[in-house]
Amino acid sequence: MVKCPENELIEITKGELLSKCMEMKKSGLRFSQGCAAFWDGRYELSYSFADDETYEYKTLRLKAELDEEIPSITEIIPTAVFYENEMAEMYGVKIRMISLDFRNKLYRIEEEAPLLPKDARGPLK
């Protein structure tokens, strides 16, 4: 029987990221995705966890400045490695201590942070 899920968006700070991810993992939720977006001059980073029995999703969301360093969750959730490398390569998110850091070679693209707007770091010259 499929249950109607109640999805939850939980706003967190950078300092809460690791402990909240550990809470999700310990409660039996499966990490299902991580993504970055650029909105209103800052990053919005989302980490979603699924309950495979109820189909409920909980998403941790934190906002970060462009030059702010974010701790990697890969020591807690190893499968986040590709999501974090993608955040770093496609948007330029500064993620600290990724367990397997591809150093902007995951996609082997020429352009730096191609999904970050060109004027995100200031006016173009």
PDB file of N, CA and C in Angstrom:
ATOM      1  N   MET A   1       0.840  -1.173   0.000  1.00  0.00           N
ATOM      2  CA  MET A   1       0.000   0.000   0.000  1.00  0.00           C
ATOM      3  C   MET A   1       0.890   1.242   0.000  1.00  0.00           C
ATOM      4  N   VAL A   2       0.656   2.158  -0.895  1.00  0.00           N
ATOM      5  CA  VAL A   2       1.410   3.401  -0.965  1.00  0.00           C
ATOM      6  C   VAL A   2       0.757   4.419  -0.041  1.00  0.00           C
ATOM      7  N   LYS A   3       1.551   4.980   0.824  1.00  0.00           N
ATOM      8  CA  LYS A   3       1.050   5.997   1.739  1.00  0.00           C
ATOM      9  C   LYS A   3       1.305   7.373   1.139  1.00  0.00           C
ATOM     10  N   CYS A   4       0.472   8.302   1.477  1.00  0.00           N
ATOM     11  CA  CYS A   4       0.664   9.677   1.014  1.00  0.00           C
ATOM     12  C   CYS A   4       1.745  10.322   1.879  1.00  0.00           C
ATOM     13  N   PRO A   5       2.874  10.621   1.311  1.00  0.00           N
ATOM     14  CA  PRO A   5       3.976  11.139   2.128  1.00  0.00           C
ATOM     15  C   PRO A   5       3.785  12.599   2.527  1.00  0.00           C
ATOM     16  N   GLU A   6       4.304  12.903   3.658  1.00  0.00           N
ATOM     17  CA  GLU A   6       4.417  14.286   4.105  1.00  0.00           C
ATOM     18  C   GLU A   6       5.889  14.651   3.966  1.00  0.00           C
ATOM     19  N   ASN A   7       6.180  15.524   3.067  1.00  0.00           N
ATOM     20  CA  ASN A   7       7.565  15.915   2.844  1.00  0.00           C
ATOM     21  C   ASN A   7       7.896  17.109   3.711  1.00  0.00           C
ATOM     22  N   GLU A   8       9.130  17.151   4.166  1.00  0.00           N
ATOM     23  CA  GLU A   8       9.532  18.183   5.107  1.00  0.00           C
ATOM     24  C   GLU A   8      10.807  18.860   4.633  1.00  0.00           C
ATOM     25  N   LEU A   9      10.804  20.178   4.631  1.00  0.00           N
ATOM     26  CA  LEU A   9      11.993  20.972   4.328  1.00  0.00           C
ATOM     27  C   LEU A   9      12.473  21.565   5.637  1.00  0.00           C
ATOM     28  N   ILE A  10      13.711  21.240   5.996  1.00  0.00           N
ATOM     29  CA  ILE A  10      14.273  21.660   7.274  1.00  0.00           C
ATOM     30  C   ILE A  10      15.418  22.623   7.007  1.00  0.00           C
ATOM     31  N   GLU A  11      15.216  23.889   7.339  1.00  0.00           N
ATOM     32  CA  GLU A  11      16.265  24.896   7.171  1.00  0.00           C
ATOM     33  C   GLU A  11      17.304  24.705   8.273  1.00  0.00           C
ATOM     34  N   ILE A  12      18.571  24.595   7.884  1.00  0.00           N
ATOM     35  CA  ILE A  12      19.647  24.405   8.852  1.00  0.00           C
ATOM     36  C   ILE A  12      20.777  25.389   8.568  1.00  0.00           C
ATOM     37  N   THR A  13      21.709  25.462   9.502  1.00  0.00           N
ATOM     38  CA  THR A  13      22.920  26.253   9.311  1.00  0.00           C
ATOM     39  C   THR A  13      24.061  25.314   8.931  1.00  0.00           C
ATOM     40  N   LYS A  14      25.121  25.881   8.453  1.00  0.00           N
ATOM     41  CA  LYS A  14      26.300  25.096   8.104  1.00  0.00           C
ATOM     42  C   LYS A  14      26.783  24.295   9.312  1.00  0.00           C
ATOM     43  N   GLY A  15      26.728  24.897  10.486  1.00  0.00           N
ATOM     44  CA  GLY A  15      27.184  24.223  11.694  1.00  0.00           C
ATOM     45  C   GLY A  15      26.336  23.026  12.095  1.00  0.00           C
ATOM     46  N   GLU A  16      25.116  22.960  11.603  1.00  0.00           N
ATOM     47  CA  GLU A  16      24.225  21.843  11.920  1.00  0.00           C
ATOM     48  C   GLU A  16      24.282  20.709  10.893  1.00  0.00           C
ATOM     49  N   LEU A  17      24.936  20.938   9.768  1.00  0.00           N
ATOM     50  CA  LEU A  17      24.880  19.993   8.656  1.00  0.00           C
ATOM     51  C   LEU A  17      25.289  18.579   9.061  1.00  0.00           C
ATOM     52  N   LEU A  18      26.441  18.412   9.638  1.00  0.00           N
ATOM     53  CA  LEU A  18      26.931  17.065   9.937  1.00  0.00           C
ATOM     54  C   LEU A  18      26.067  16.356  10.969  1.00  0.00           C
ATOM     55  N   SER A  19      25.686  17.057  12.024  1.00  0.00           N
ATOM     56  CA  SER A  19      24.866  16.403  13.050  1.00  0.00           C
ATOM     57  C   SER A  19      23.478  16.049  12.516  1.00  0.00           C
ATOM     58  N   LYS A  20      22.892  16.907  11.695  1.00  0.00           N
ATOM     59  CA  LYS A  20      21.574  16.615  11.122  1.00  0.00           C
ATOM     60  C   LYS A  20      21.639  15.436  10.143  1.00  0.00           C
ATOM     61  N   CYS A  21      22.711  15.354   9.364  1.00  0.00           N
ATOM     62  CA  CYS A  21      22.877  14.205   8.464  1.00  0.00           C
ATOM     63  C   CYS A  21      23.015  12.921   9.270  1.00  0.00           C
ATOM     64  N   MET A  22      23.751  12.983  10.362  1.00  0.00           N
ATOM     65  CA  MET A  22      23.895  11.813  11.227  1.00  0.00           C
ATOM     66  C   MET A  22      22.539  11.413  11.820  1.00  0.00           C
ATOM     67  N   GLU A  23      21.743  12.394  12.219  1.00  0.00           N
ATOM     68  CA  GLU A  23      20.400  12.112  12.743  1.00  0.00           C
ATOM     69  C   GLU A  23      19.551  11.398  11.699  1.00  0.00           C
ATOM     70  N   MET A  24      19.597  11.883  10.466  1.00  0.00           N
ATOM     71  CA  MET A  24      18.805  11.270   9.396  1.00  0.00           C
ATOM     72  C   MET A  24      19.239   9.822   9.177  1.00  0.00           C
ATOM     73  N   LYS A  25      20.535   9.612   9.138  1.00  0.00           N
ATOM     74  CA  LYS A  25      21.065   8.265   8.913  1.00  0.00           C
ATOM     75  C   LYS A  25      20.684   7.339  10.070  1.00  0.00           C
ATOM     76  N   LYS A  26      20.855   7.804  11.291  1.00  0.00           N
ATOM     77  CA  LYS A  26      20.537   6.982  12.463  1.00  0.00           C
ATOM     78  C   LYS A  26      19.045   6.671  12.563  1.00  0.00           C
ATOM     79  N   SER A  27      18.195   7.539  12.025  1.00  0.00           N
ATOM     80  CA  SER A  27      16.761   7.286  12.082  1.00  0.00           C
ATOM     81  C   SER A  27      16.312   6.321  10.986  1.00  0.00           C
ATOM     82  N   GLY A  28      17.254   5.846  10.165  1.00  0.00           N
ATOM     83  CA  GLY A  28      16.938   4.859   9.142  1.00  0.00           C
ATOM     84  C   GLY A  28      16.580   5.429   7.787  1.00  0.00           C
ATOM     85  N   LEU A  29      16.724   6.734   7.623  1.00  0.00           N
ATOM     86  CA  LEU A  29      16.429   7.334   6.325  1.00  0.00           C
ATOM     87  C   LEU A  29      17.603   7.134   5.372  1.00  0.00           C
ATOM     88  N   ARG A  30      17.283   6.975   4.116  1.00  0.00           N
ATOM     89  CA  ARG A  30      18.293   6.762   3.070  1.00  0.00           C
ATOM     90  C   ARG A  30      18.590   8.097   2.387  1.00  0.00           C
ATOM     91  N   PHE A  31      19.881   8.419   2.277  1.00  0.00           N
ATOM     92  CA  PHE A  31      20.274   9.618   1.527  1.00  0.00           C
ATOM     93  C   PHE A  31      19.955   9.372   0.066  1.00  0.00           C
ATOM     94  N   SER A  32      19.187  10.286  -0.544  1.00  0.00           N
ATOM     95  CA  SER A  32      18.805  10.048  -1.932  1.00  0.00           C
ATOM     96  C   SER A  32      19.326  11.089  -2.915  1.00  0.00           C
ATOM     97  N   GLN A  33      19.634  12.290  -2.453  1.00  0.00           N
ATOM     98  CA  GLN A  33      20.192  13.265  -3.386  1.00  0.00           C
ATOM     99  C   GLN A  33      20.763  14.462  -2.644  1.00  0.00           C
ATOM    100  N   GLY A  34      21.690  15.101  -3.304  1.00  0.00           N
ATOM    101  CA  GLY A  34      22.243  16.369  -2.838  1.00  0.00           C
ATOM    102  C   GLY A  34      22.350  17.282  -4.042  1.00  0.00           C
ATOM    103  N   CYS A  35      22.021  18.545  -3.870  1.00  0.00           N
ATOM    104  CA  CYS A  35      22.116  19.446  -5.016  1.00  0.00           C
ATOM    105  C   CYS A  35      22.381  20.877  -4.561  1.00  0.00           C
ATOM    106  N   ALA A  36      22.845  21.658  -5.496  1.00  0.00           N
ATOM    107  CA  ALA A  36      23.118  23.070  -5.256  1.00  0.00           C
ATOM    108  C   ALA A  36      22.275  23.896  -6.213  1.00  0.00           C
ATOM    109  N   ALA A  37      21.960  25.089  -5.765  1.00  0.00           N
ATOM    110  CA  ALA A  37      21.296  26.080  -6.611  1.00  0.00           C
ATOM    111  C   ALA A  37      21.857  27.433  -6.212  1.00  0.00           C
ATOM    112  N   PHE A  38      21.767  28.388  -7.113  1.00  0.00           N
ATOM    113  CA  PHE A  38      22.194  29.752  -6.819  1.00  0.00           C
ATOM    114  C   PHE A  38      20.951  30.613  -6.829  1.00  0.00           C
ATOM    115  N   TRP A  39      20.687  31.290  -5.713  1.00  0.00           N
ATOM    116  CA  TRP A  39      19.485  32.099  -5.609  1.00  0.00           C
ATOM    117  C   TRP A  39      19.755  33.307  -4.732  1.00  0.00           C
ATOM    118  N   ASP A  40      19.394  34.466  -5.212  1.00  0.00           N
ATOM    119  CA  ASP A  40      19.483  35.698  -4.441  1.00  0.00           C
ATOM    120  C   ASP A  40      20.903  35.951  -3.904  1.00  0.00           C
ATOM    121  N   GLY A  41      21.892  35.671  -4.742  1.00  0.00           N
ATOM    122  CA  GLY A  41      23.277  35.963  -4.398  1.00  0.00           C
ATOM    123  C   GLY A  41      23.963  34.960  -3.493  1.00  0.00           C
ATOM    124  N   ARG A  42      23.288  33.831  -3.210  1.00  0.00           N
ATOM    125  CA  ARG A  42      23.873  32.811  -2.328  1.00  0.00           C
ATOM    126  C   ARG A  42      23.574  31.418  -2.874  1.00  0.00           C
ATOM    127  N   TYR A  43      24.302  30.458  -2.330  1.00  0.00           N
ATOM    128  CA  TYR A  43      24.003  29.071  -2.640  1.00  0.00           C
ATOM    129  C   TYR A  43      22.874  28.586  -1.749  1.00  0.00           C
ATOM    130  N   GLU A  44      22.066  27.706  -2.292  1.00  0.00           N
ATOM    131  CA  GLU A  44      21.132  26.918  -1.508  1.00  0.00           C
ATOM    132  C   GLU A  44      21.526  25.468  -1.744  1.00  0.00           C
ATOM    133  N   LEU A  45      21.940  24.800  -0.690  1.00  0.00           N
ATOM    134  CA  LEU A  45      22.364  23.406  -0.780  1.00  0.00           C
ATOM    135  C   LEU A  45      21.288  22.544  -0.142  1.00  0.00           C
ATOM    136  N   SER A  46      20.883  21.501  -0.835  1.00  0.00           N
ATOM    137  CA  SER A  46      19.833  20.616  -0.353  1.00  0.00           C
ATOM    138  C   SER A  46      20.349  19.192  -0.278  1.00  0.00           C
ATOM    139  N   TYR A  47      19.999  18.528   0.816  1.00  0.00           N
ATOM    140  CA  TYR A  47      20.375  17.137   1.063  1.00  0.00           C
ATOM    141  C   TYR A  47      19.082  16.406   1.421  1.00  0.00           C
ATOM    142  N   SER A  48      18.625  15.493   0.557  1.00  0.00           N
ATOM    143  CA  SER A  48      17.333  14.832   0.762  1.00  0.00           C
ATOM    144  C   SER A  48      17.509  13.394   1.236  1.00  0.00           C
ATOM    145  N   PHE A  49      16.619  13.012   2.152  1.00  0.00           N
ATOM    146  CA  PHE A  49      16.629  11.687   2.754  1.00  0.00           C
ATOM    147  C   PHE A  49      15.240  11.082   2.601  1.00  0.00           C
ATOM    148  N   ALA A  50      15.182   9.792   2.281  1.00  0.00           N
ATOM    149  CA  ALA A  50      13.912   9.125   2.014  1.00  0.00           C
ATOM    150  C   ALA A  50      13.656   8.004   3.010  1.00  0.00           C
ATOM    151  N   ASP A  51      12.378   7.842   3.333  1.00  0.00           N
ATOM    152  CA  ASP A  51      11.924   6.691   4.098  1.00  0.00           C
ATOM    153  C   ASP A  51      11.324   5.743   3.071  1.00  0.00           C
ATOM    154  N   ASP A  52      11.957   4.616   2.852  1.00  0.00           N
ATOM    155  CA  ASP A  52      11.527   3.706   1.793  1.00  0.00           C
ATOM    156  C   ASP A  52      10.232   2.966   2.117  1.00  0.00           C
ATOM    157  N   GLU A  53       9.775   3.034   3.344  1.00  0.00           N
ATOM    158  CA  GLU A  53       8.499   2.395   3.697  1.00  0.00           C
ATOM    159  C   GLU A  53       7.314   3.339   3.532  1.00  0.00           C
ATOM    160  N   THR A  54       7.491   4.592   3.894  1.00  0.00           N
ATOM    161  CA  THR A  54       6.379   5.552   3.832  1.00  0.00           C
ATOM    162  C   THR A  54       6.480   6.505   2.645  1.00  0.00           C
ATOM    163  N   TYR A  55       7.606   6.492   1.965  1.00  0.00           N
ATOM    164  CA  TYR A  55       7.889   7.401   0.848  1.00  0.00           C
ATOM    165  C   TYR A  55       7.999   8.855   1.298  1.00  0.00           C
ATOM    166  N   GLU A  56       8.212   9.050   2.561  1.00  0.00           N
ATOM    167  CA  GLU A  56       8.384  10.394   3.109  1.00  0.00           C
ATOM    168  C   GLU A  56       9.787  10.895   2.778  1.00  0.00           C
ATOM    169  N   TYR A  57       9.873  12.175   2.472  1.00  0.00           N
ATOM    170  CA  TYR A  57      11.160  12.819   2.220  1.00  0.00           C
ATOM    171  C   TYR A  57      11.390  13.921   3.239  1.00  0.00           C
ATOM    172  N   LYS A  58      12.619  13.992   3.710  1.00  0.00           N
ATOM    173  CA  LYS A  58      13.056  15.111   4.532  1.00  0.00           C
ATOM    174  C   LYS A  58      14.251  15.715   3.822  1.00  0.00           C
ATOM    175  N   THR A  59      14.196  17.008   3.611  1.00  0.00           N
ATOM    176  CA  THR A  59      15.295  17.692   2.928  1.00  0.00           C
ATOM    177  C   THR A  59      15.893  18.720   3.859  1.00  0.00           C
ATOM    178  N   LEU A  60      17.196  18.596   4.065  1.00  0.00           N
ATOM    179  CA  LEU A  60      17.951  19.594   4.822  1.00  0.00           C
ATOM    180  C   LEU A  60      18.384  20.666   3.832  1.00  0.00           C
ATOM    181  N   ARG A  61      18.143  21.924   4.154  1.00  0.00           N
ATOM    182  CA  ARG A  61      18.532  23.014   3.250  1.00  0.00           C
ATOM    183  C   ARG A  61      19.339  24.034   4.011  1.00  0.00           C
ATOM    184  N   LEU A  62      20.496  24.367   3.456  1.00  0.00           N
ATOM    185  CA  LEU A  62      21.289  25.432   4.064  1.00  0.00           C
ATOM    186  C   LEU A  62      21.661  26.448   3.014  1.00  0.00           C
ATOM    187  N   LYS A  63      21.781  27.677   3.463  1.00  0.00           N
ATOM    188  CA  LYS A  63      22.180  28.772   2.582  1.00  0.00           C
ATOM    189  C   LYS A  63      23.609  29.133   2.923  1.00  0.00           C
ATOM    190  N   ALA A  64      24.403  29.370   1.894  1.00  0.00           N
ATOM    191  CA  ALA A  64      25.822  29.655   2.098  1.00  0.00           C
ATOM    192  C   ALA A  64      26.273  30.762   1.164  1.00  0.00           C
ATOM    193  N   GLU A  65      27.192  31.553   1.634  1.00  0.00           N
ATOM    194  CA  GLU A  65      27.797  32.603   0.815  1.00  0.00           C
ATOM    195  C   GLU A  65      28.727  31.958  -0.214  1.00  0.00           C
ATOM    196  N   LEU A  66      29.025  32.684  -1.266  1.00  0.00           N
ATOM    197  CA  LEU A  66      29.828  32.126  -2.358  1.00  0.00           C
ATOM    198  C   LEU A  66      31.215  31.674  -1.930  1.00  0.00           C
ATOM    199  N   ASP A  67      31.842  32.358  -0.999  1.00  0.00           N
ATOM    200  CA  ASP A  67      33.196  31.986  -0.591  1.00  0.00           C
ATOM    201  C   ASP A  67      33.234  31.185   0.710  1.00  0.00           C
ATOM    202  N   GLU A  68      32.073  30.807   1.210  1.00  0.00           N
ATOM    203  CA  GLU A  68      31.986  30.057   2.462  1.00  0.00           C
ATOM    204  C   GLU A  68      32.339  28.586   2.234  1.00  0.00           C
ATOM    205  N   GLU A  69      33.129  28.019   3.126  1.00  0.00           N
ATOM    206  CA  GLU A  69      33.462  26.602   3.038  1.00  0.00           C
ATOM    207  C   GLU A  69      32.401  25.769   3.754  1.00  0.00           C
ATOM    208  N   ILE A  70      32.010  24.678   3.109  1.00  0.00           N
ATOM    209  CA  ILE A  70      30.991  23.777   3.633  1.00  0.00           C
ATOM    210  C   ILE A  70      31.670  22.442   3.935  1.00  0.00           C
ATOM    211  N   PRO A  71      31.394  21.847   5.099  1.00  0.00           N
ATOM    212  CA  PRO A  71      32.003  20.548   5.388  1.00  0.00           C
ATOM    213  C   PRO A  71      31.370  19.445   4.541  1.00  0.00           C
ATOM    214  N   SER A  72      32.162  18.509   4.115  1.00  0.00           N
ATOM    215  CA  SER A  72      31.659  17.374   3.361  1.00  0.00           C
ATOM    216  C   SER A  72      30.913  16.430   4.297  1.00  0.00           C
ATOM    217  N   ILE A  73      29.869  15.791   3.773  1.00  0.00           N
ATOM    218  CA  ILE A  73      29.142  14.793   4.549  1.00  0.00           C
ATOM    219  C   ILE A  73      29.592  13.375   4.190  1.00  0.00           C
ATOM    220  N   THR A  74      30.625  13.233   3.363  1.00  0.00           N
ATOM    221  CA  THR A  74      31.003  11.914   2.845  1.00  0.00           C
ATOM    222  C   THR A  74      31.566  10.963   3.898  1.00  0.00           C
ATOM    223  N   GLU A  75      32.053  11.464   5.017  1.00  0.00           N
ATOM    224  CA  GLU A  75      32.507  10.556   6.076  1.00  0.00           C
ATOM    225  C   GLU A  75      31.306   9.899   6.753  1.00  0.00           C
ATOM    226  N   ILE A  76      30.166  10.556   6.739  1.00  0.00           N
ATOM    227  CA  ILE A  76      28.934  10.028   7.324  1.00  0.00           C
ATOM    228  C   ILE A  76      28.141   9.260   6.272  1.00  0.00           C
ATOM    229  N   ILE A  77      28.092   9.838   5.071  1.00  0.00           N
ATOM    230  CA  ILE A  77      27.304   9.274   3.973  1.00  0.00           C
ATOM    231  C   ILE A  77      28.206   9.175   2.739  1.00  0.00           C
ATOM    232  N   PRO A  78      28.904   8.057   2.583  1.00  0.00           N
ATOM    233  CA  PRO A  78      29.859   7.927   1.468  1.00  0.00           C
ATOM    234  C   PRO A  78      29.257   8.148   0.083  1.00  0.00           C
ATOM    235  N   THR A  79      27.989   7.813  -0.115  1.00  0.00           N
ATOM    236  CA  THR A  79      27.374   7.971  -1.440  1.00  0.00           C
ATOM    237  C   THR A  79      27.184   9.423  -1.841  1.00  0.00           C
ATOM    238  N   ALA A  80      27.411  10.352  -0.935  1.00  0.00           N
ATOM    239  CA  ALA A  80      27.297  11.773  -1.266  1.00  0.00           C
ATOM    240  C   ALA A  80      28.475  12.265  -2.093  1.00  0.00           C
ATOM    241  N   VAL A  81      29.467  11.424  -2.306  1.00  0.00           N
ATOM    242  CA  VAL A  81      30.700  11.847  -2.972  1.00  0.00           C
ATOM    243  C   VAL A  81      30.451  12.445  -4.355  1.00  0.00           C
ATOM    244  N   PHE A  82      29.583  11.845  -5.127  1.00  0.00           N
ATOM    245  CA  PHE A  82      29.341  12.364  -6.478  1.00  0.00           C
ATOM    246  C   PHE A  82      28.519  13.638  -6.452  1.00  0.00           C
ATOM    247  N   TYR A  83      27.561  13.719  -5.548  1.00  0.00           N
ATOM    248  CA  TYR A  83      26.760  14.936  -5.423  1.00  0.00           C
ATOM    249  C   TYR A  83      27.635  16.117  -5.001  1.00  0.00           C
ATOM    250  N   GLU A  84      28.512  15.894  -4.039  1.00  0.00           N
ATOM    251  CA  GLU A  84      29.365  16.988  -3.571  1.00  0.00           C
ATOM    252  C   GLU A  84      30.374  17.410  -4.626  1.00  0.00           C
ATOM    253  N   ASN A  85      30.923  16.449  -5.352  1.00  0.00           N
ATOM    254  CA  ASN A  85      31.826  16.809  -6.444  1.00  0.00           C
ATOM    255  C   ASN A  85      31.085  17.601  -7.516  1.00  0.00           C
ATOM    256  N   GLU A  86      29.839  17.236  -7.787  1.00  0.00           N
ATOM    257  CA  GLU A  86      29.049  17.975  -8.764  1.00  0.00           C
ATOM    258  C   GLU A  86      28.768  19.397  -8.282  1.00  0.00           C
ATOM    259  N   MET A  87      28.402  19.563  -7.007  1.00  0.00           N
ATOM    260  CA  MET A  87      28.171  20.900  -6.457  1.00  0.00           C
ATOM    261  C   MET A  87      29.418  21.770  -6.628  1.00  0.00           C
ATOM    262  N   ALA A  88      30.563  21.192  -6.330  1.00  0.00           N
ATOM    263  CA  ALA A  88      31.819  21.930  -6.423  1.00  0.00           C
ATOM    264  C   ALA A  88      32.145  22.292  -7.873  1.00  0.00           C
ATOM    265  N   GLU A  89      32.013  21.326  -8.762  1.00  0.00           N
ATOM    266  CA  GLU A  89      32.415  21.556 -10.143  1.00  0.00           C
ATOM    267  C   GLU A  89      31.429  22.420 -10.928  1.00  0.00           C
ATOM    268  N   MET A  90      30.156  22.174 -10.762  1.00  0.00           N
ATOM    269  CA  MET A  90      29.165  22.873 -11.579  1.00  0.00           C
ATOM    270  C   MET A  90      28.813  24.262 -11.045  1.00  0.00           C
ATOM    271  N   TYR A  91      28.910  24.452  -9.727  1.00  0.00           N
ATOM    272  CA  TYR A  91      28.543  25.743  -9.128  1.00  0.00           C
ATOM    273  C   TYR A  91      29.696  26.461  -8.437  1.00  0.00           C
ATOM    274  N   GLY A  92      30.787  25.760  -8.182  1.00  0.00           N
ATOM    275  CA  GLY A  92      31.902  26.381  -7.485  1.00  0.00           C
ATOM    276  C   GLY A  92      31.757  26.381  -5.970  1.00  0.00           C
ATOM    277  N   VAL A  93      30.882  25.521  -5.427  1.00  0.00           N
ATOM    278  CA  VAL A  93      30.720  25.431  -3.977  1.00  0.00           C
ATOM    279  C   VAL A  93      32.026  24.915  -3.376  1.00  0.00           C
ATOM    280  N   LYS A  94      32.470  25.563  -2.325  1.00  0.00           N
ATOM    281  CA  LYS A  94      33.722  25.172  -1.667  1.00  0.00           C
ATOM    282  C   LYS A  94      33.397  24.134  -0.591  1.00  0.00           C
ATOM    283  N   ILE A  95      33.522  22.861  -0.957  1.00  0.00           N
ATOM    284  CA  ILE A  95      33.239  21.776  -0.031  1.00  0.00           C
ATOM    285  C   ILE A  95      34.564  21.229   0.485  1.00  0.00           C
ATOM    286  N   ARG A  96      34.690  21.233   1.785  1.00  0.00           N
ATOM    287  CA  ARG A  96      35.936  20.879   2.457  1.00  0.00           C
ATOM    288  C   ARG A  96      35.966  19.395   2.824  1.00  0.00           C
ATOM    289  N   MET A  97      37.030  18.725   2.452  1.00  0.00           N
ATOM    290  CA  MET A  97      37.340  17.350   2.852  1.00  0.00           C
ATOM    291  C   MET A  97      36.388  16.296   2.273  1.00  0.00           C
ATOM    292  N   ILE A  98      36.088  16.393   0.985  1.00  0.00           N
ATOM    293  CA  ILE A  98      35.329  15.333   0.315  1.00  0.00           C
ATOM    294  C   ILE A  98      36.205  14.087   0.323  1.00  0.00           C
ATOM    295  N   SER A  99      35.641  12.946   0.695  1.00  0.00           N
ATOM    296  CA  SER A  99      36.450  11.730   0.839  1.00  0.00           C
ATOM    297  C   SER A  99      37.161  11.335  -0.457  1.00  0.00           C
ATOM    298  N   LEU A 100      36.524  11.544  -1.588  1.00  0.00           N
ATOM    299  CA  LEU A 100      37.142  11.308  -2.895  1.00  0.00           C
ATOM    300  C   LEU A 100      36.882  12.551  -3.728  1.00  0.00           C
ATOM    301  N   ASP A 101      37.823  13.469  -3.714  1.00  0.00           N
ATOM    302  CA  ASP A 101      37.674  14.755  -4.382  1.00  0.00           C
ATOM    303  C   ASP A 101      38.220  14.660  -5.803  1.00  0.00           C
ATOM    304  N   PHE A 102      37.351  14.832  -6.778  1.00  0.00           N
ATOM    305  CA  PHE A 102      37.773  14.771  -8.173  1.00  0.00           C
ATOM    306  C   PHE A 102      38.428  16.065  -8.640  1.00  0.00           C
ATOM    307  N   ARG A 103      38.463  17.067  -7.797  1.00  0.00           N
ATOM    308  CA  ARG A 103      39.135  18.340  -8.069  1.00  0.00           C
ATOM    309  C   ARG A 103      38.735  18.929  -9.431  1.00  0.00           C
ATOM    310  N   ASN A 104      37.422  19.090  -9.597  1.00  0.00           N
ATOM    311  CA  ASN A 104      36.847  19.668 -10.816  1.00  0.00           C
ATOM    312  C   ASN A 104      37.137  18.867 -12.081  1.00  0.00           C
ATOM    313  N   LYS A 105      37.275  17.566 -11.942  1.00  0.00           N
ATOM    314  CA  LYS A 105      37.491  16.700 -13.107  1.00  0.00           C
ATOM    315  C   LYS A 105      36.420  15.625 -13.211  1.00  0.00           C
ATOM    316  N   LEU A 106      35.316  15.762 -12.470  1.00  0.00           N
ATOM    317  CA  LEU A 106      34.226  14.779 -12.548  1.00  0.00           C
ATOM    318  C   LEU A 106      33.638  14.762 -13.955  1.00  0.00           C
ATOM    319  N   TYR A 107      33.349  15.931 -14.499  1.00  0.00           N
ATOM    320  CA  TYR A 107      32.746  16.029 -15.834  1.00  0.00           C
ATOM    321  C   TYR A 107      33.750  16.353 -16.930  1.00  0.00           C
ATOM    322  N   ARG A 108      34.946  16.712 -16.534  1.00  0.00           N
ATOM    323  CA  ARG A 108      35.996  17.052 -17.503  1.00  0.00           C
ATOM    324  C   ARG A 108      35.534  18.143 -18.469  1.00  0.00           C
ATOM    325  N   ILE A 109      35.079  19.239 -17.883  1.00  0.00           N
ATOM    326  CA  ILE A 109      34.629  20.380 -18.669  1.00  0.00           C
ATOM    327  C   ILE A 109      35.666  21.483 -18.584  1.00  0.00           C
ATOM    328  N   GLU A 110      35.663  22.322 -19.557  1.00  0.00           N
ATOM    329  CA  GLU A 110      36.643  23.406 -19.619  1.00  0.00           C
ATOM    330  C   GLU A 110      36.241  24.595 -18.747  1.00  0.00           C
ATOM    331  N   GLU A 111      34.958  24.901 -18.717  1.00  0.00           N
ATOM    332  CA  GLU A 111      34.470  26.091 -18.038  1.00  0.00           C
ATOM    333  C   GLU A 111      34.387  25.869 -16.530  1.00  0.00           C
ATOM    334  N   GLU A 112      34.831  26.859 -15.773  1.00  0.00           N
ATOM    335  CA  GLU A 112      34.746  26.781 -14.321  1.00  0.00           C
ATOM    336  C   GLU A 112      33.348  27.182 -13.867  1.00  0.00           C
ATOM    337  N   ALA A 113      32.737  26.356 -13.028  1.00  0.00           N
ATOM    338  CA  ALA A 113      31.407  26.600 -12.451  1.00  0.00           C
ATOM    339  C   ALA A 113      30.402  27.065 -13.509  1.00  0.00           C
ATOM    340  N   PRO A 114      30.128  26.239 -14.520  1.00  0.00           N
ATOM    341  CA  PRO A 114      29.272  26.672 -15.620  1.00  0.00           C
ATOM    342  C   PRO A 114      27.819  26.975 -15.235  1.00  0.00           C
ATOM    343  N   LEU A 115      27.321  26.469 -14.115  1.00  0.00           N
ATOM    344  CA  LEU A 115      25.940  26.741 -13.733  1.00  0.00           C
ATOM    345  C   LEU A 115      25.795  27.951 -12.813  1.00  0.00           C
ATOM    346  N   LEU A 116      26.906  28.512 -12.405  1.00  0.00           N
ATOM    347  CA  LEU A 116      26.883  29.740 -11.608  1.00  0.00           C
ATOM    348  C   LEU A 116      26.783  30.918 -12.581  1.00  0.00           C
ATOM    349  N   PRO A 117      25.839  31.829 -12.370  1.00  0.00           N
ATOM    350  CA  PRO A 117      25.732  32.976 -13.287  1.00  0.00           C
ATOM    351  C   PRO A 117      27.067  33.718 -13.401  1.00  0.00           C
ATOM    352  N   LYS A 118      27.367  34.175 -14.590  1.00  0.00           N
ATOM    353  CA  LYS A 118      28.671  34.820 -14.851  1.00  0.00           C
ATOM    354  C   LYS A 118      28.930  36.020 -13.948  1.00  0.00           C
ATOM    355  N   ASP A 119      27.883  36.746 -13.569  1.00  0.00           N
ATOM    356  CA  ASP A 119      28.058  37.937 -12.742  1.00  0.00           C
ATOM    357  C   ASP A 119      27.841  37.677 -11.247  1.00  0.00           C
ATOM    358  N   ALA A 120      27.797  36.410 -10.841  1.00  0.00           N
ATOM    359  CA  ALA A 120      27.510  36.054  -9.443  1.00  0.00           C
ATOM    360  C   ALA A 120      28.552  36.598  -8.472  1.00  0.00           C
ATOM    361  N   ARG A 121      29.784  36.678  -8.896  1.00  0.00           N
ATOM    362  CA  ARG A 121      30.863  37.143  -8.008  1.00  0.00           C
ATOM    363  C   ARG A 121      31.147  38.632  -8.195  1.00  0.00           C
ATOM    364  N   GLY A 122      30.268  39.308  -8.881  1.00  0.00           N
ATOM    365  CA  GLY A 122      30.432  40.750  -9.088  1.00  0.00           C
ATOM    366  C   GLY A 122      30.230  41.098 -10.541  1.00  0.00           C
ATOM    367  N   PRO A 123      30.189  42.388 -10.841  1.00  0.00           N
ATOM    368  CA  PRO A 123      29.965  42.824 -12.223  1.00  0.00           C
ATOM    369  C   PRO A 123      31.052  42.304 -13.159  1.00  0.00           C
ATOM    370  N   LEU A 124      30.640  41.950 -14.356  1.00  0.00           N
ATOM    371  CA  LEU A 124      31.597  41.521 -15.372  1.00  0.00           C
ATOM    372  C   LEU A 124      32.379  42.719 -15.879  1.00  0.00           C
ATOM    373  N   LYS A 125      33.632  42.476 -16.187  1.00  0.00           N
ATOM    374  CA  LYS A 125      34.485  43.561 -16.700  1.00  0.00           C
ATOM    375  C   LYS A 125      34.738  43.388 -18.155  1.00  0.00           C
TER     376      LYS A 125
END
